[in-house]
Amino acid sequence: MTPAEQIQFTRIAAAIEFLYDHHREQPDLAAVAAHVHLSPQHLQRQFQQWAGISPKKMLQHISIENAKRILHAQGSVQDAALASGLSGTGRLHDLFTTIEGMTPGEYKNGGAGLQIDWQLAASPYGSVLVANTGKGICFLSFADDPAAERARLQALFPNAKLRNAASQMQAQALHALQQPPQQPLALHIKGTPFQLKVWQALLNIPRGQLADYGTLAARIGHPKACRAVGTAVGSNPVAVLIPCHRVIRQTGMVGGYRWHRGRKIALLGKELESA
């Protein structure tokens, strides 16, 4: 992401958060533009370019009231579908994304013997650092601070050989940031058995739908482990492909997001728009 693109992202993310936080007041375009120090025309153009939909349209989809309606309406239907093993057209994401946990040996030795290829790349939501082993994508993170994300990758696999090189797996992952994958996309990730169970459950939240932490905890058989589930969600090493952005609070509030709350709202708004 160039310095100019970083400034644009920061402004649009701030506009999205302002709209979300003040949606009950229905602020007009001029008020939002004033908040981010842009002209209304400039904001409208940049917002549409970056988010793909208009400011008001996005907030219609991700308002707290709408989120509550989705959570309430989908709960029993989605649980029944999961229990019966049925999948609808909105389930392309988890049908085509598979998780393979690293072996206990790979987990314990910090990736010794693994070669990990990585690259910084552009995406509709800002720069990302994406990396893969020979088996699948092992890391995908929004890289507002590329050096920090590179350090996180190294800390996750301290004994692996890291090589700055693009790959076909990375290209597939980057394409999946724009639309659901149409071919199998493998993930090869490092996590505890509990984390892997939570991350697998995240894949079962269809595009355009939401889940709260309590529901997610119940689905993995640990209904009282909401806090632990929240920690596992926050430790997700593969942004978007493992859709932790689809988890919100039971109140309908979006809640936090490791990669910026404005980005989470943008991801949800676009998914709900196309659902």
Protein backbone atom coordinates (compact mmCIF):
# COMPACT_ATOMS: atom_id res chain seq x y z
CA MET A 1 0.00 0.00 0.00
CA THR A 2 1.43 3.35 -1.04
CA PRO A 3 1.43 6.29 1.42
CA ALA A 4 -1.46 7.86 -0.52
CA GLU A 5 -3.44 4.61 -0.41
CA GLN A 6 -2.77 4.30 3.33
CA ILE A 7 -4.14 7.80 3.90
CA GLN A 8 -7.20 6.93 1.81
CA PHE A 9 -7.80 3.70 3.74
CA THR A 10 -7.49 5.53 7.08
CA ARG A 11 -10.03 8.13 6.00
CA ILE A 12 -12.54 5.65 4.60
CA ALA A 13 -12.22 3.40 7.66
CA ALA A 14 -12.85 6.44 9.86
CA ALA A 15 -15.90 7.34 7.74
CA ILE A 16 -17.26 3.81 8.06
CA GLU A 17 -16.82 3.82 11.83
CA PHE A 18 -18.47 7.25 12.07
CA LEU A 19 -21.47 6.05 10.09
CA TYR A 20 -21.74 2.91 12.20
CA ASP A 21 -21.39 4.72 15.53
CA HIS A 22 -23.89 7.42 14.52
CA HIS A 23 -26.28 5.44 12.35
CA ARG A 24 -29.27 6.23 14.61
CA GLU A 25 -28.74 9.93 13.85
CA GLN A 26 -28.69 9.23 10.08
CA PRO A 27 -25.82 11.65 9.36
CA ASP A 28 -25.83 13.01 5.82
CA LEU A 29 -22.87 12.83 3.46
CA ALA A 30 -21.76 16.35 4.40
CA ALA A 31 -21.49 15.44 8.09
CA VAL A 32 -19.44 12.33 7.37
CA ALA A 33 -17.21 14.24 4.96
CA ALA A 34 -16.60 16.94 7.56
CA HIS A 35 -15.61 14.29 10.08
CA VAL A 36 -12.84 12.97 7.80
CA HIS A 37 -11.91 16.39 6.36
CA LEU A 38 -12.96 15.73 2.76
CA SER A 39 -15.49 17.33 0.44
CA PRO A 40 -18.75 15.35 0.10
CA GLN A 41 -18.05 14.66 -3.58
CA HIS A 42 -14.51 13.44 -2.88
CA LEU A 43 -15.68 11.21 -0.03
CA GLN A 44 -18.50 9.70 -2.11
CA ARG A 45 -16.08 8.87 -4.92
CA GLN A 46 -13.37 7.41 -2.66
CA PHE A 47 -15.88 5.46 -0.56
CA GLN A 48 -17.51 3.85 -3.57
CA GLN A 49 -14.12 3.02 -5.03
CA TRP A 50 -12.77 1.49 -1.83
CA ALA A 51 -15.86 -0.19 -0.35
CA GLY A 52 -17.76 -0.99 -3.55
CA ILE A 53 -21.06 0.41 -2.26
CA SER A 54 -22.32 3.79 -1.10
CA PRO A 55 -21.93 4.88 2.54
CA LYS A 56 -25.65 4.75 3.29
CA LYS A 57 -26.12 1.40 1.56
CA MET A 58 -23.37 -0.16 3.63
CA LEU A 59 -24.86 1.00 6.90
CA GLN A 60 -28.30 -0.26 5.95
CA HIS A 61 -26.80 -3.74 5.91
CA ILE A 62 -24.61 -3.57 8.99
CA SER A 63 -26.69 -1.46 11.37
CA ILE A 64 -27.08 -2.93 14.85
CA GLU A 65 -30.79 -3.50 14.29
CA ASN A 66 -30.17 -5.42 11.09
CA ALA A 67 -27.45 -7.49 12.73
CA LYS A 68 -29.86 -8.42 15.52
CA ARG A 69 -32.48 -9.47 12.98
CA ILE A 70 -29.97 -11.66 11.14
CA LEU A 71 -28.79 -13.31 14.35
CA HIS A 72 -32.35 -13.99 15.48
CA ALA A 73 -33.69 -15.17 12.12
CA GLN A 74 -30.86 -17.42 11.10
CA GLY A 75 -30.11 -19.14 14.40
CA SER A 76 -32.44 -22.13 14.40
CA VAL A 77 -32.35 -22.56 10.62
CA GLN A 78 -28.57 -22.53 10.44
CA ASP A 79 -28.17 -24.84 13.44
CA ALA A 80 -30.58 -27.31 11.82
CA ALA A 81 -28.66 -27.16 8.54
CA LEU A 82 -25.37 -27.75 10.30
CA ALA A 83 -26.80 -30.66 12.27
CA SER A 84 -28.14 -32.31 9.13
CA GLY A 85 -25.03 -31.64 7.08
CA LEU A 86 -26.95 -29.62 4.49
CA SER A 87 -25.30 -26.79 2.60
CA GLY A 88 -26.93 -24.04 0.58
CA THR A 89 -25.56 -21.77 -2.12
CA GLY A 90 -24.13 -19.47 0.54
CA ARG A 91 -21.83 -22.21 1.79
CA LEU A 92 -19.23 -21.99 -0.98
CA HIS A 93 -16.71 -20.61 1.45
CA ASP A 94 -16.49 -23.53 3.84
CA LEU A 95 -17.07 -26.09 1.08
CA PHE A 96 -13.95 -24.93 -0.71
CA THR A 97 -11.71 -24.06 2.23
CA THR A 98 -10.20 -26.90 4.21
CA ILE A 99 -8.07 -26.75 7.34
CA GLU A 100 -5.16 -29.06 8.00
CA GLY A 101 -3.65 -28.54 11.41
CA MET A 102 0.09 -28.88 11.68
CA THR A 103 1.30 -32.10 13.25
CA PRO A 104 2.26 -32.02 16.95
CA GLY A 105 5.87 -32.22 15.85
CA GLU A 106 5.55 -29.27 13.45
CA TYR A 107 3.71 -27.31 16.12
CA LYS A 108 6.29 -28.04 18.81
CA ASN A 109 9.42 -27.38 16.77
CA GLY A 110 8.31 -23.99 15.47
CA GLY A 111 8.18 -25.02 11.83
CA ALA A 112 11.67 -26.50 11.65
CA GLY A 113 12.12 -28.13 8.25
CA LEU A 114 9.31 -26.09 6.67
CA GLN A 115 9.88 -23.66 3.83
CA ILE A 116 7.40 -20.82 3.87
CA ASP A 117 6.98 -18.54 0.87
CA TRP A 118 5.49 -15.11 1.50
CA GLN A 119 4.73 -11.86 -0.25
CA LEU A 120 3.18 -8.46 0.36
CA ALA A 121 0.29 -7.82 -2.01
CA ALA A 122 -2.52 -5.38 -2.65
CA SER A 123 -6.15 -6.24 -1.91
CA PRO A 124 -9.47 -4.35 -2.03
CA TYR A 125 -9.11 -3.85 1.74
CA GLY A 126 -5.49 -2.75 1.89
CA SER A 127 -2.10 -4.43 1.77
CA VAL A 128 -1.87 -8.02 2.97
CA LEU A 129 0.98 -10.34 3.85
CA VAL A 130 0.15 -13.86 2.64
CA ALA A 131 2.30 -16.96 3.18
CA ASN A 132 2.13 -20.67 2.42
CA THR A 133 3.86 -23.95 3.13
CA GLY A 134 3.90 -26.76 0.60
CA LYS A 135 0.51 -27.89 1.94
CA GLY A 136 -1.46 -24.67 2.05
CA ILE A 137 -1.86 -21.08 3.21
CA CYS A 138 -0.45 -20.69 6.71
CA PHE A 139 -0.77 -16.93 7.25
CA LEU A 140 -2.78 -14.05 5.83
CA SER A 141 -2.84 -10.72 7.60
CA PHE A 142 -3.69 -7.15 6.69
CA ALA A 143 -0.36 -5.36 6.65
CA ASP A 144 -0.90 -1.74 7.58
CA ASP A 145 2.56 -2.13 9.16
CA PRO A 146 4.39 -4.60 6.87
CA ALA A 147 7.44 -4.93 9.14
CA ALA A 148 5.27 -5.82 12.12
CA GLU A 149 3.36 -8.48 10.15
CA ARG A 150 6.61 -9.94 8.83
CA ALA A 151 7.80 -10.18 12.45
CA ARG A 152 4.53 -11.89 13.44
CA LEU A 153 4.99 -14.48 10.72
CA GLN A 154 8.55 -15.15 11.87
CA ALA A 155 7.44 -15.40 15.52
CA LEU A 156 4.75 -17.90 14.57
CA PHE A 157 7.30 -20.08 12.75
CA PRO A 158 10.65 -19.18 14.37
CA ASN A 159 12.50 -22.19 12.96
CA ALA A 160 11.06 -22.24 9.44
CA LYS A 161 12.90 -21.04 6.35
CA LEU A 162 11.09 -17.94 5.09
CA ARG A 163 11.45 -16.94 1.45
CA ASN A 164 10.05 -13.79 -0.14
CA ALA A 165 8.43 -15.45 -3.18
CA ALA A 166 5.00 -15.47 -4.79
CA SER A 167 3.12 -18.74 -5.40
CA GLN A 168 -0.03 -20.10 -7.01
CA MET A 169 -1.50 -20.81 -3.58
CA GLN A 170 -1.04 -17.17 -2.65
CA ALA A 171 -2.68 -16.06 -5.90
CA GLN A 172 -5.72 -18.23 -5.12
CA ALA A 173 -5.93 -16.79 -1.60
CA LEU A 174 -5.70 -13.22 -2.86
CA HIS A 175 -8.42 -13.88 -5.43
CA ALA A 176 -10.63 -15.30 -2.66
CA LEU A 177 -10.47 -11.94 -0.88
CA GLN A 178 -12.58 -10.54 -3.71
CA GLN A 179 -15.04 -13.38 -4.22
CA PRO A 180 -15.69 -16.85 -2.75
CA PRO A 181 -13.21 -19.47 -4.00
CA GLN A 182 -14.39 -21.61 -6.88
CA GLN A 183 -11.71 -24.27 -6.40
CA PRO A 184 -10.34 -26.00 -3.32
CA LEU A 185 -8.22 -23.74 -1.12
CA ALA A 186 -6.13 -25.50 1.52
CA LEU A 187 -4.97 -23.97 4.79
CA HIS A 188 -2.03 -25.41 6.73
CA ILE A 189 -2.08 -23.66 10.07
CA LYS A 190 -0.57 -23.83 13.51
CA GLY A 191 -2.97 -23.99 16.44
CA THR A 192 -4.01 -25.90 19.53
CA PRO A 193 -6.80 -28.49 19.15
CA PHE A 194 -9.24 -26.01 20.71
CA GLN A 195 -8.19 -23.21 18.36
CA LEU A 196 -8.50 -25.48 15.33
CA LYS A 197 -12.02 -26.46 16.43
CA VAL A 198 -13.03 -22.79 16.73
CA TRP A 199 -11.47 -21.87 13.38
CA GLN A 200 -13.27 -24.77 11.72
CA ALA A 201 -16.54 -23.54 13.22
CA LEU A 202 -15.89 -20.10 11.72
CA LEU A 203 -15.85 -21.71 8.27
CA ASN A 204 -19.39 -22.90 8.92
CA ILE A 205 -20.71 -19.32 9.09
CA PRO A 206 -21.94 -18.73 5.53
CA ARG A 207 -21.10 -15.58 3.62
CA GLY A 208 -23.70 -12.92 4.38
CA GLN A 209 -24.55 -14.33 7.80
CA LEU A 210 -23.35 -13.69 11.34
CA ALA A 211 -22.82 -15.53 14.62
CA ASP A 212 -22.24 -14.36 18.17
CA TYR A 213 -19.61 -15.75 20.53
CA GLY A 214 -22.12 -17.68 22.64
CA THR A 215 -23.58 -19.44 19.62
CA LEU A 216 -20.11 -20.30 18.37
CA ALA A 217 -19.16 -21.73 21.78
CA ALA A 218 -22.32 -23.88 21.82
CA ARG A 219 -21.64 -25.19 18.32
CA ILE A 220 -18.24 -26.56 19.30
CA GLY A 221 -19.66 -28.21 22.44
CA HIS A 222 -18.30 -25.69 24.98
CA PRO A 223 -21.29 -23.42 25.73
CA LYS A 224 -19.63 -21.85 28.77
CA ALA A 225 -16.34 -21.08 27.03
CA CYS A 226 -17.32 -17.79 25.38
CA ARG A 227 -14.19 -16.00 26.58
CA ALA A 228 -11.88 -18.77 25.38
CA VAL A 229 -13.72 -18.84 22.05
CA GLY A 230 -13.24 -15.08 21.75
CA THR A 231 -9.52 -15.48 22.38
CA ALA A 232 -9.27 -18.19 19.72
CA VAL A 233 -11.22 -16.04 17.25
CA GLY A 234 -8.82 -13.17 17.90
CA SER A 235 -5.84 -15.48 17.29
CA ASN A 236 -6.97 -16.47 13.80
CA PRO A 237 -3.84 -16.46 11.59
CA VAL A 238 -5.69 -16.31 8.25
CA ALA A 239 -7.83 -13.20 7.81
CA VAL A 240 -11.07 -13.38 5.76
CA LEU A 241 -10.48 -16.93 4.51
CA ILE A 242 -11.24 -18.04 8.06
CA PRO A 243 -14.06 -15.51 8.50
CA CYS A 244 -13.61 -14.29 12.06
CA HIS A 245 -15.08 -10.95 10.90
CA ARG A 246 -18.52 -12.65 10.84
CA VAL A 247 -18.55 -13.00 14.63
CA ILE A 248 -20.24 -10.14 16.48
CA ARG A 249 -21.62 -9.53 19.96
CA GLN A 250 -24.99 -10.91 20.98
CA THR A 251 -26.25 -7.32 21.25
CA GLY A 252 -25.74 -6.84 17.52
CA MET A 253 -22.67 -4.65 18.03
CA VAL A 254 -19.85 -5.38 15.61
CA GLY A 255 -17.21 -5.45 18.34
CA GLY A 256 -13.46 -5.23 17.81
CA TYR A 257 -11.26 -6.57 15.04
CA ARG A 258 -7.52 -7.09 15.11
CA TRP A 259 -7.20 -5.60 11.63
CA HIS A 260 -9.22 -2.42 12.28
CA ARG A 261 -12.91 -2.15 13.13
CA GLY A 262 -13.62 -0.07 10.02
CA ARG A 263 -12.25 -2.87 7.86
CA LYS A 264 -14.49 -5.42 9.62
CA ILE A 265 -17.57 -3.27 9.00
CA ALA A 266 -16.57 -2.89 5.35
CA LEU A 267 -16.13 -6.65 4.92
CA LEU A 268 -19.51 -7.35 6.51
CA GLY A 269 -21.27 -4.59 4.62
CA LYS A 270 -20.06 -5.88 1.28
CA GLU A 271 -20.93 -9.51 2.11
CA LEU A 272 -24.41 -8.61 3.34
CA GLU A 273 -24.95 -6.46 0.25
CA SER A 274 -24.20 -9.39 -2.07
CA ALA A 275 -25.95 -12.09 0.00
